[in-house]
Protein backbone atom coordinates (compact mmCIF):
# COMPACT_ATOMS: atom_id res chain seq x y z
CA UNK A 1 28.35 -7.45 17.00
CA UNK A 2 24.60 -7.01 17.25
CA UNK A 3 24.25 -5.64 13.72
CA UNK A 4 25.44 -8.77 11.94
CA UNK A 5 23.48 -7.80 8.82
CA UNK A 6 25.61 -4.69 8.24
CA UNK A 7 28.22 -6.05 5.82
CA UNK A 8 25.66 -7.62 3.48
CA UNK A 9 23.43 -4.55 3.71
CA UNK A 10 26.18 -2.10 2.75
CA UNK A 11 27.65 -4.22 -0.03
CA UNK A 12 24.19 -4.52 -1.58
CA UNK A 13 24.26 -0.76 -2.24
CA UNK A 14 25.26 0.31 -5.71
CA UNK A 15 28.99 0.92 -6.33
CA UNK A 16 30.03 0.20 -2.72
CA UNK A 17 33.43 -1.37 -2.07
CA UNK A 18 35.17 -2.30 1.16
CA UNK A 19 38.72 -2.68 2.35
CA UNK A 20 40.71 -3.06 5.54
CA UNK A 21 42.85 -0.14 6.66
CA UNK A 22 45.51 -2.18 8.50
CA UNK A 23 47.12 0.72 10.35
CA UNK A 24 43.80 1.64 11.98
CA UNK A 25 42.26 -1.85 11.83
CA UNK A 26 39.11 -0.39 10.31
CA UNK A 27 36.86 -2.15 7.82
CA UNK A 28 35.96 0.71 5.50
CA UNK A 29 32.96 0.95 3.17
CA UNK A 30 33.43 3.36 0.30
CA UNK A 31 31.51 4.98 -2.52
CA UNK A 32 33.93 6.08 -5.20
CA UNK A 33 37.16 6.57 -3.30
CA UNK A 34 35.52 8.05 -0.19
CA UNK A 35 34.58 6.28 3.02
CA UNK A 36 30.99 6.61 4.18
CA UNK A 37 30.96 3.97 6.95
CA UNK A 38 33.43 1.89 8.93
CA UNK A 39 33.58 -0.88 11.49
CA UNK A 40 36.36 -0.09 13.98
CA UNK A 41 38.10 -3.17 15.33
CA UNK A 42 40.24 -3.61 18.44
CA UNK A 43 43.52 -5.55 18.57
CA UNK A 44 41.56 -8.81 18.74
CA UNK A 45 39.48 -7.85 15.66
CA UNK A 46 36.37 -7.32 17.78
CA UNK A 47 34.15 -4.40 16.65
CA UNK A 48 34.23 -1.47 19.07
CA UNK A 49 32.45 1.24 17.04
CA UNK A 50 30.53 1.79 13.81
CA UNK A 51 31.32 5.14 12.24
CA UNK A 52 28.86 7.05 10.03
CA UNK A 53 28.85 10.54 8.56
CA UNK A 54 25.80 12.70 9.26
CA UNK A 55 24.64 16.27 9.03
CA UNK A 56 26.16 17.97 12.12
CA UNK A 57 22.76 19.05 13.49
CA UNK A 58 21.28 15.58 13.12
CA UNK A 59 24.36 13.98 14.65
CA UNK A 60 24.19 16.29 17.65
CA UNK A 61 20.51 15.50 18.21
CA UNK A 62 21.10 11.76 18.02
CA UNK A 63 23.94 11.94 20.54
CA UNK A 64 21.55 13.56 22.97
CA UNK A 65 18.94 10.87 22.42
CA UNK A 66 21.15 7.78 22.51
CA UNK A 67 23.98 7.06 24.94
CA UNK A 68 25.32 4.56 22.39
CA UNK A 69 26.01 7.30 19.82
CA UNK A 70 29.04 9.47 20.55
CA UNK A 71 31.22 11.94 18.60
CA UNK A 72 33.27 10.20 15.93
CA UNK A 73 36.11 8.12 17.36
CA UNK A 74 39.39 9.19 15.73
CA UNK A 75 37.31 11.20 13.23
CA UNK A 76 36.06 14.70 12.58
CA UNK A 77 33.69 14.99 15.54
CA UNK A 78 31.49 17.58 13.83
CA UNK A 79 30.35 15.28 11.01
CA UNK A 80 31.25 11.76 12.11
CA UNK A 81 29.47 9.74 14.76
CA UNK A 82 30.36 6.44 16.44
CA UNK A 83 27.69 3.87 17.28
CA UNK A 84 28.23 1.10 19.79
CA UNK A 85 28.09 -2.24 17.92
CA UNK A 86 26.35 -3.90 20.88
CA UNK A 87 24.23 -1.03 22.12
CA UNK A 88 20.54 -0.16 22.14
CA UNK A 89 20.23 1.83 18.92
CA UNK A 90 17.41 0.15 16.94
CA UNK A 91 18.42 -1.77 13.82
CA UNK A 92 16.02 0.25 11.66
CA UNK A 93 17.64 3.51 12.81
CA UNK A 94 21.15 2.19 12.17
CA UNK A 95 20.10 1.21 8.64
CA UNK A 96 18.64 4.67 8.12
CA UNK A 97 21.85 6.33 9.35
CA UNK A 98 23.95 4.16 7.04
CA UNK A 99 21.67 5.13 4.15
CA UNK A 100 22.02 8.82 4.95
CA UNK A 101 25.79 8.56 5.28
CA UNK A 102 25.96 6.86 1.87
CA UNK A 103 23.87 9.59 0.25
CA UNK A 104 25.74 12.39 2.02
CA UNK A 105 29.15 11.20 0.84
CA UNK A 106 27.88 10.48 -2.67
CA UNK A 107 26.42 14.00 -2.86
CA UNK A 108 29.89 15.39 -2.14
CA UNK A 109 31.02 14.43 -5.64
CA UNK A 110 30.23 16.60 -8.70
CA UNK A 111 26.90 15.58 -10.22
CA UNK A 112 28.36 14.03 -13.36
CA UNK A 113 30.87 12.11 -11.25
CA UNK A 114 28.02 10.76 -9.11
CA UNK A 115 26.43 9.23 -12.20
CA UNK A 116 29.77 7.82 -13.34
CA UNK A 117 30.38 6.23 -9.93
CA UNK A 118 26.92 4.68 -9.90
CA UNK A 119 27.20 3.63 -13.54
CA UNK A 120 23.74 5.07 -14.20
CA UNK A 121 22.09 7.61 -16.44
CA UNK A 122 19.93 10.36 -14.94
CA UNK A 123 16.85 8.13 -15.29
CA UNK A 124 18.48 5.06 -13.78
CA UNK A 125 19.32 3.18 -16.96
CA UNK A 126 22.42 1.04 -16.63
CA UNK A 127 24.50 1.93 -19.70
CA UNK A 128 26.50 -1.29 -19.41
CA UNK A 129 23.28 -3.23 -19.95
CA UNK A 130 21.91 -1.03 -22.75
CA UNK A 131 25.06 -0.53 -24.86
CA UNK A 132 23.30 1.25 -27.74
CA UNK A 133 25.40 4.40 -27.30
CA UNK A 134 28.00 5.88 -24.94
CA UNK A 135 25.31 6.99 -22.52
CA UNK A 136 24.00 10.38 -21.45
CA UNK A 137 26.96 11.11 -19.17
CA UNK A 138 29.42 11.00 -22.06
CA UNK A 139 27.05 12.57 -24.59
CA UNK A 140 25.55 15.33 -22.42
CA UNK A 141 22.15 13.75 -22.85
CA UNK A 142 22.29 13.53 -26.65
CA UNK A 143 21.71 9.79 -26.68
CA UNK A 144 20.59 7.59 -29.56
CA UNK A 145 16.86 8.05 -28.94
CA UNK A 146 16.94 11.84 -28.37
CA UNK A 147 15.82 14.34 -31.03
CA UNK A 148 18.68 15.18 -33.43
CA UNK A 149 21.13 17.56 -31.80
CA UNK A 150 19.12 17.80 -28.60
CA UNK A 151 19.37 16.07 -25.21
CA UNK A 152 16.90 13.46 -24.05
CA UNK A 153 13.91 15.27 -22.45
CA UNK A 154 14.55 13.48 -19.16
CA UNK A 155 18.20 14.61 -19.12
CA UNK A 156 17.18 18.16 -20.10
CA UNK A 157 14.69 18.32 -17.23
CA UNK A 158 16.90 16.72 -14.57
CA UNK A 159 20.34 18.15 -15.36
CA UNK A 160 19.83 21.29 -17.44
CA UNK A 161 16.65 22.63 -15.85
CA UNK A 162 16.74 21.42 -12.24
CA UNK A 163 20.52 20.88 -11.85
CA UNK A 164 20.16 17.48 -10.20
CA UNK A 165 22.54 14.55 -10.43
CA UNK A 166 19.75 12.06 -11.13
CA UNK A 167 15.97 11.84 -11.12
CA UNK A 168 16.34 9.97 -7.83
CA UNK A 169 16.76 13.37 -6.16
CA UNK A 170 13.41 14.59 -7.48
CA UNK A 171 10.24 14.17 -5.42
CA UNK A 172 8.15 13.84 -8.62
CA UNK A 173 9.91 10.71 -9.90
CA UNK A 174 8.49 9.18 -12.06
CA UNK A 175 7.10 12.36 -13.63
CA UNK A 176 5.07 12.82 -16.84
CA UNK A 177 8.32 13.24 -18.78
CA UNK A 178 9.31 9.73 -17.73
CA UNK A 179 5.97 8.48 -19.01
CA UNK A 180 6.41 10.31 -22.32
CA UNK A 181 9.91 9.00 -23.06
CA UNK A 182 9.61 5.31 -23.80
CA UNK A 183 10.77 2.66 -26.19
CA UNK A 184 7.81 2.21 -28.57
CA UNK A 185 8.67 -1.48 -28.90
CA UNK A 186 7.94 -2.11 -25.20
CA UNK A 187 4.54 -3.32 -24.09
CA UNK A 188 2.78 -1.33 -21.40
CA UNK A 189 3.72 -3.99 -18.85
CA UNK A 190 7.38 -4.05 -19.91
CA UNK A 191 7.52 -0.25 -19.80
CA UNK A 192 6.12 -0.16 -16.26
CA UNK A 193 8.64 -2.82 -15.21
CA UNK A 194 11.41 -0.70 -16.76
CA UNK A 195 10.30 2.31 -14.74
CA UNK A 196 10.21 0.28 -11.52
CA UNK A 197 13.69 -1.19 -12.08
CA UNK A 198 15.18 2.23 -12.87
CA UNK A 199 13.61 3.71 -9.75
CA UNK A 200 15.08 0.92 -7.65
CA UNK A 201 18.55 1.57 -9.07
CA UNK A 202 18.29 5.29 -8.37
CA UNK A 203 17.25 4.51 -4.79
CA UNK A 204 20.27 2.20 -4.42
CA UNK A 205 18.22 -0.98 -4.24
C-alpha cells in the first residue's frame, strides 16, 4: 500500500482504537465505538480500498476529481468513500480526508460524550493528569478553581453560551477568557506552554 504511514498516523489521534472485523477482513479505526476509517483487505490480506466518511457534497466532488476515489465499497455510498491504496490521490489530501472523517464521526456523539471519549475538559486539560477534582464533565464546569457555585468561565463560555463540545471548535481559541483563567502559581512561560499543550490536545495532536 502506498500510504504506509496510515496506521501510525491514525493511532496517534486521541482516543483512536483499531480492530480487525474478521467476517469482512477490514482493519477498522474507531473513535468511541464508531468506525471512522478502514483498510479493506482481500483474501490474501492485501489492501484493496481505504474507506473514509465525508460530507456527501464533498465526497461527490472528490469522486469527480479523482478516479481513485469511488462510492463507498460495501458501505453507505452517500457518506462513505473508497480510496485506492495504490492510486494517485496525494498523501496530504488522504491525511486531510482521514482528519475530516475522524472529526465528522466524533461530532456525531453528544457534546458531553465527545469530551468523555477524548478524556478532555472543554479547554483541553487532561483530567487524568490533573486529578484535583472530578473534572468539568462530571461537575458541569463547577471545578475546584471556579467561583463558588459557578462554572469555570471557560466552560460557561464554551458549553453554556456557545453550545460547543470543546474550545477546539471555536475559531477564537485561545480567547481572552483563556488568558484570564490561569493558575497563579504558573510562570508566564509555563502558562503559555500549558495553553499550547491544551490546544494541541483539542486539535488531536
